[in-house]
N, C-alpha and C. Protein backbone atom coordinates (compact mmCIF):
# COMPACT_ATOMS: atom_id res chain seq x y z
N MET A 1 0.81 -1.20 0.00
CA MET A 1 0.00 0.00 0.00
C MET A 1 0.85 1.25 0.00
N GLY A 2 1.95 1.24 0.66
CA GLY A 2 2.82 2.40 0.73
C GLY A 2 3.64 2.33 1.99
N ASP A 3 4.59 3.19 2.09
CA ASP A 3 5.46 3.23 3.26
C ASP A 3 4.67 3.76 4.45
N PRO A 4 4.49 2.97 5.52
CA PRO A 4 3.72 3.43 6.67
C PRO A 4 4.30 4.68 7.31
N ALA A 5 5.61 4.85 7.25
CA ALA A 5 6.21 6.05 7.83
C ALA A 5 5.76 7.29 7.08
N VAL A 6 5.63 7.15 5.77
CA VAL A 6 5.16 8.27 4.96
C VAL A 6 3.67 8.47 5.15
N ALA A 7 2.91 7.37 5.10
CA ALA A 7 1.46 7.46 5.24
C ALA A 7 1.07 8.03 6.60
N GLY A 8 1.90 7.77 7.62
CA GLY A 8 1.58 8.25 8.95
C GLY A 8 2.15 9.63 9.26
N SER A 9 2.67 10.32 8.27
CA SER A 9 3.26 11.63 8.49
C SER A 9 2.26 12.60 9.11
N GLN A 10 2.75 13.36 10.05
CA GLN A 10 1.95 14.41 10.65
C GLN A 10 2.16 15.67 9.83
N PHE A 11 1.09 16.39 9.57
CA PHE A 11 1.19 17.62 8.79
C PHE A 11 1.87 18.70 9.60
N ASP A 12 2.90 19.28 9.04
CA ASP A 12 3.63 20.38 9.65
C ASP A 12 3.84 21.44 8.57
N PRO A 13 3.19 22.61 8.69
CA PRO A 13 3.32 23.64 7.67
C PRO A 13 4.73 24.21 7.53
N ALA A 14 5.61 23.91 8.47
CA ALA A 14 6.99 24.39 8.38
C ALA A 14 7.83 23.49 7.48
N ARG A 15 7.29 22.33 7.12
CA ARG A 15 8.00 21.39 6.24
C ARG A 15 7.58 21.61 4.79
N SER A 16 8.33 20.98 3.91
CA SER A 16 8.04 21.04 2.48
C SER A 16 7.31 19.77 2.05
N TRP A 17 6.27 19.91 1.25
CA TRP A 17 5.43 18.80 0.82
C TRP A 17 5.33 18.77 -0.69
N ARG A 18 4.85 17.65 -1.21
CA ARG A 18 4.61 17.51 -2.65
C ARG A 18 3.50 16.49 -2.85
N LEU A 19 2.95 16.47 -4.06
CA LEU A 19 1.96 15.46 -4.39
C LEU A 19 2.63 14.08 -4.41
N HIS A 20 1.92 13.10 -3.94
CA HIS A 20 2.39 11.72 -4.03
C HIS A 20 2.51 11.38 -5.52
N PRO A 21 3.55 10.66 -5.93
CA PRO A 21 3.72 10.36 -7.35
C PRO A 21 2.58 9.54 -7.96
N GLN A 22 1.76 8.88 -7.13
CA GLN A 22 0.64 8.11 -7.65
C GLN A 22 -0.66 8.91 -7.67
N VAL A 23 -0.58 10.22 -7.47
CA VAL A 23 -1.78 11.06 -7.46
C VAL A 23 -1.90 11.81 -8.78
N ALA A 24 -3.07 11.69 -9.37
CA ALA A 24 -3.40 12.44 -10.59
C ALA A 24 -4.31 13.60 -10.21
N VAL A 25 -4.08 14.74 -10.84
CA VAL A 25 -4.86 15.95 -10.58
C VAL A 25 -5.67 16.28 -11.83
N ARG A 26 -6.96 16.46 -11.64
CA ARG A 26 -7.81 16.88 -12.75
C ARG A 26 -8.47 18.21 -12.38
N PRO A 27 -7.99 19.32 -12.95
CA PRO A 27 -8.60 20.61 -12.66
C PRO A 27 -10.06 20.64 -13.10
N GLU A 28 -10.87 21.28 -12.31
CA GLU A 28 -12.30 21.45 -12.57
C GLU A 28 -12.66 22.90 -12.30
N PRO A 29 -13.81 23.37 -12.79
CA PRO A 29 -14.20 24.77 -12.54
C PRO A 29 -14.28 25.11 -11.04
N PHE A 30 -14.64 24.13 -10.21
CA PHE A 30 -14.78 24.38 -8.77
C PHE A 30 -13.46 24.25 -8.02
N GLY A 31 -12.43 23.70 -8.64
CA GLY A 31 -11.15 23.43 -7.98
C GLY A 31 -10.45 22.30 -8.68
N ALA A 32 -10.54 21.09 -8.10
CA ALA A 32 -9.92 19.93 -8.75
C ALA A 32 -10.34 18.63 -8.09
N LEU A 33 -10.11 17.56 -8.82
CA LEU A 33 -10.25 16.20 -8.29
C LEU A 33 -8.85 15.62 -8.20
N LEU A 34 -8.56 14.95 -7.10
CA LEU A 34 -7.30 14.25 -6.93
C LEU A 34 -7.63 12.78 -6.78
N TYR A 35 -6.94 11.94 -7.52
CA TYR A 35 -7.16 10.50 -7.43
C TYR A 35 -5.82 9.82 -7.15
N HIS A 36 -5.80 9.02 -6.10
CA HIS A 36 -4.60 8.28 -5.72
C HIS A 36 -4.73 6.86 -6.28
N PHE A 37 -3.89 6.52 -7.24
CA PHE A 37 -3.97 5.22 -7.89
C PHE A 37 -3.58 4.08 -6.95
N GLY A 38 -2.77 4.36 -5.95
CA GLY A 38 -2.36 3.31 -5.02
C GLY A 38 -3.43 2.96 -4.01
N THR A 39 -4.10 3.97 -3.48
CA THR A 39 -5.11 3.74 -2.45
C THR A 39 -6.53 3.77 -2.99
N ARG A 40 -6.67 4.25 -4.22
CA ARG A 40 -7.97 4.41 -4.89
C ARG A 40 -8.85 5.44 -4.20
N LYS A 41 -8.23 6.36 -3.47
CA LYS A 41 -8.98 7.42 -2.81
C LYS A 41 -9.15 8.60 -3.76
N LEU A 42 -10.27 9.27 -3.61
CA LEU A 42 -10.59 10.45 -4.39
C LEU A 42 -10.75 11.61 -3.42
N SER A 43 -10.13 12.74 -3.74
CA SER A 43 -10.28 13.94 -2.93
C SER A 43 -10.71 15.10 -3.82
N PHE A 44 -11.44 16.01 -3.23
CA PHE A 44 -11.90 17.20 -3.94
C PHE A 44 -11.21 18.43 -3.37
N LEU A 45 -10.71 19.27 -4.24
CA LEU A 45 -10.19 20.58 -3.83
C LEU A 45 -11.29 21.57 -4.17
N LYS A 46 -11.71 22.35 -3.17
CA LYS A 46 -12.91 23.15 -3.31
C LYS A 46 -12.75 24.48 -4.02
N ASN A 47 -11.52 24.88 -4.32
CA ASN A 47 -11.34 26.12 -5.08
C ASN A 47 -10.01 26.10 -5.81
N ARG A 48 -9.87 27.05 -6.72
CA ARG A 48 -8.67 27.11 -7.56
C ARG A 48 -7.44 27.53 -6.76
N THR A 49 -7.63 28.27 -5.68
CA THR A 49 -6.50 28.72 -4.87
C THR A 49 -5.83 27.53 -4.20
N VAL A 50 -6.61 26.65 -3.61
CA VAL A 50 -6.01 25.48 -2.97
C VAL A 50 -5.35 24.59 -4.02
N LEU A 51 -5.90 24.56 -5.22
CA LEU A 51 -5.26 23.82 -6.31
C LEU A 51 -3.90 24.44 -6.64
N ALA A 52 -3.84 25.75 -6.72
CA ALA A 52 -2.57 26.43 -7.00
C ALA A 52 -1.54 26.13 -5.91
N VAL A 53 -1.99 26.11 -4.67
CA VAL A 53 -1.09 25.80 -3.55
C VAL A 53 -0.58 24.37 -3.67
N VAL A 54 -1.48 23.42 -3.88
CA VAL A 54 -1.09 22.01 -3.97
C VAL A 54 -0.11 21.80 -5.12
N GLU A 55 -0.39 22.41 -6.26
CA GLU A 55 0.47 22.22 -7.43
C GLU A 55 1.84 22.87 -7.27
N SER A 56 1.94 23.88 -6.39
CA SER A 56 3.22 24.58 -6.25
C SER A 56 3.99 24.21 -4.98
N LEU A 57 3.44 23.33 -4.16
CA LEU A 57 4.09 22.99 -2.89
C LEU A 57 5.55 22.59 -3.06
N SER A 58 5.86 21.78 -4.05
CA SER A 58 7.23 21.30 -4.19
C SER A 58 8.20 22.39 -4.62
N ASP A 59 7.69 23.54 -5.04
CA ASP A 59 8.53 24.66 -5.45
C ASP A 59 8.91 25.57 -4.28
N HIS A 60 8.37 25.27 -3.09
CA HIS A 60 8.55 26.15 -1.94
C HIS A 60 9.18 25.41 -0.76
N PRO A 61 9.91 26.15 0.08
CA PRO A 61 10.57 25.51 1.22
C PRO A 61 9.61 25.08 2.33
N ASP A 62 8.40 25.65 2.34
CA ASP A 62 7.41 25.30 3.35
C ASP A 62 6.02 25.69 2.85
N VAL A 63 5.02 25.26 3.59
CA VAL A 63 3.63 25.48 3.19
C VAL A 63 3.28 26.97 3.17
N ARG A 64 3.72 27.70 4.16
CA ARG A 64 3.35 29.12 4.23
C ARG A 64 3.91 29.91 3.04
N SER A 65 5.07 29.54 2.56
CA SER A 65 5.63 30.19 1.36
C SER A 65 4.74 29.92 0.15
N ALA A 66 4.25 28.68 0.04
CA ALA A 66 3.35 28.33 -1.06
C ALA A 66 2.03 29.10 -0.94
N LEU A 67 1.54 29.24 0.29
CA LEU A 67 0.30 30.00 0.50
C LEU A 67 0.48 31.45 0.10
N ARG A 68 1.58 32.08 0.50
CA ARG A 68 1.82 33.48 0.15
C ARG A 68 1.93 33.64 -1.36
N ALA A 69 2.62 32.70 -2.01
CA ALA A 69 2.77 32.78 -3.47
C ALA A 69 1.42 32.68 -4.18
N ALA A 70 0.47 31.99 -3.56
CA ALA A 70 -0.88 31.86 -4.14
C ALA A 70 -1.80 32.99 -3.71
N GLY A 71 -1.27 33.95 -2.94
CA GLY A 71 -2.06 35.11 -2.53
C GLY A 71 -2.85 34.93 -1.25
N VAL A 72 -2.56 33.89 -0.48
CA VAL A 72 -3.27 33.64 0.78
C VAL A 72 -2.54 34.37 1.90
N GLU A 73 -3.21 35.30 2.53
CA GLU A 73 -2.63 36.05 3.65
C GLU A 73 -2.66 35.23 4.93
N ALA A 74 -1.85 35.61 5.90
CA ALA A 74 -1.73 34.86 7.17
C ALA A 74 -3.08 34.68 7.86
N HIS A 75 -3.92 35.71 7.87
CA HIS A 75 -5.21 35.61 8.56
C HIS A 75 -6.18 34.64 7.87
N ALA A 76 -5.93 34.31 6.60
CA ALA A 76 -6.80 33.42 5.84
C ALA A 76 -6.26 31.99 5.75
N GLU A 77 -5.17 31.69 6.44
CA GLU A 77 -4.53 30.38 6.36
C GLU A 77 -5.31 29.20 6.91
N PRO A 78 -6.04 29.33 8.03
CA PRO A 78 -6.60 28.14 8.69
C PRO A 78 -7.35 27.15 7.79
N PRO A 79 -8.27 27.57 6.93
CA PRO A 79 -8.95 26.54 6.11
C PRO A 79 -8.01 25.85 5.12
N TYR A 80 -7.00 26.57 4.64
CA TYR A 80 -6.04 25.98 3.72
C TYR A 80 -5.15 24.98 4.45
N LEU A 81 -4.71 25.34 5.65
CA LEU A 81 -3.89 24.42 6.45
C LEU A 81 -4.68 23.16 6.80
N GLN A 82 -5.96 23.33 7.11
CA GLN A 82 -6.80 22.18 7.42
C GLN A 82 -6.93 21.27 6.19
N ALA A 83 -7.18 21.86 5.02
CA ALA A 83 -7.31 21.08 3.79
C ALA A 83 -6.02 20.33 3.47
N LEU A 84 -4.89 21.00 3.62
CA LEU A 84 -3.61 20.35 3.34
C LEU A 84 -3.33 19.24 4.34
N GLY A 85 -3.72 19.45 5.59
CA GLY A 85 -3.56 18.41 6.60
C GLY A 85 -4.37 17.16 6.27
N VAL A 86 -5.57 17.35 5.75
CA VAL A 86 -6.40 16.22 5.33
C VAL A 86 -5.73 15.49 4.17
N LEU A 87 -5.14 16.24 3.24
CA LEU A 87 -4.45 15.61 2.10
C LEU A 87 -3.22 14.82 2.55
N VAL A 88 -2.52 15.31 3.56
CA VAL A 88 -1.38 14.56 4.11
C VAL A 88 -1.89 13.29 4.79
N ALA A 89 -2.95 13.41 5.59
CA ALA A 89 -3.50 12.25 6.31
C ALA A 89 -3.99 11.17 5.34
N SER A 90 -4.46 11.58 4.16
CA SER A 90 -4.95 10.61 3.18
C SER A 90 -3.86 10.18 2.20
N ASN A 91 -2.62 10.61 2.44
CA ASN A 91 -1.46 10.23 1.63
C ASN A 91 -1.49 10.82 0.22
N MET A 92 -2.26 11.87 0.01
CA MET A 92 -2.26 12.57 -1.28
C MET A 92 -1.01 13.44 -1.38
N LEU A 93 -0.60 13.99 -0.24
CA LEU A 93 0.63 14.78 -0.15
C LEU A 93 1.62 14.02 0.71
N ILE A 94 2.88 14.10 0.32
CA ILE A 94 3.94 13.46 1.10
C ILE A 94 5.06 14.45 1.33
N ASP A 95 5.89 14.14 2.31
CA ASP A 95 7.06 14.97 2.57
C ASP A 95 7.89 15.07 1.30
N LYS A 96 8.34 16.26 0.98
CA LYS A 96 9.09 16.49 -0.26
C LYS A 96 10.33 15.62 -0.36
N ASP A 97 10.94 15.31 0.78
CA ASP A 97 12.18 14.54 0.78
C ASP A 97 11.97 13.03 0.79
N SER A 98 10.72 12.57 0.89
CA SER A 98 10.49 11.13 0.92
C SER A 98 10.60 10.54 -0.49
N GLN A 99 10.84 9.26 -0.54
CA GLN A 99 11.01 8.58 -1.83
C GLN A 99 9.73 8.46 -2.58
């Protein structure tokens, strides 16, 4: 199924993350659909901003840098951090340095 150490990662916005290599992203007018071919899980991104953040995570040293680059101010972070945490818990996002 996958490396349990990676699957059990705790979300930390100070770390760098990326999409799992087995995740496909399909942009939609409302945001996007993410499908994990390994786990067969489907996730919905509810807006284009969170899609921009997810797609750019690997280009940034941490989550907050990706949020700022997508135009998300500090006071507006909580729902984005929650969404990214859910994606980490479902193994859609993995630590950037993991295999």
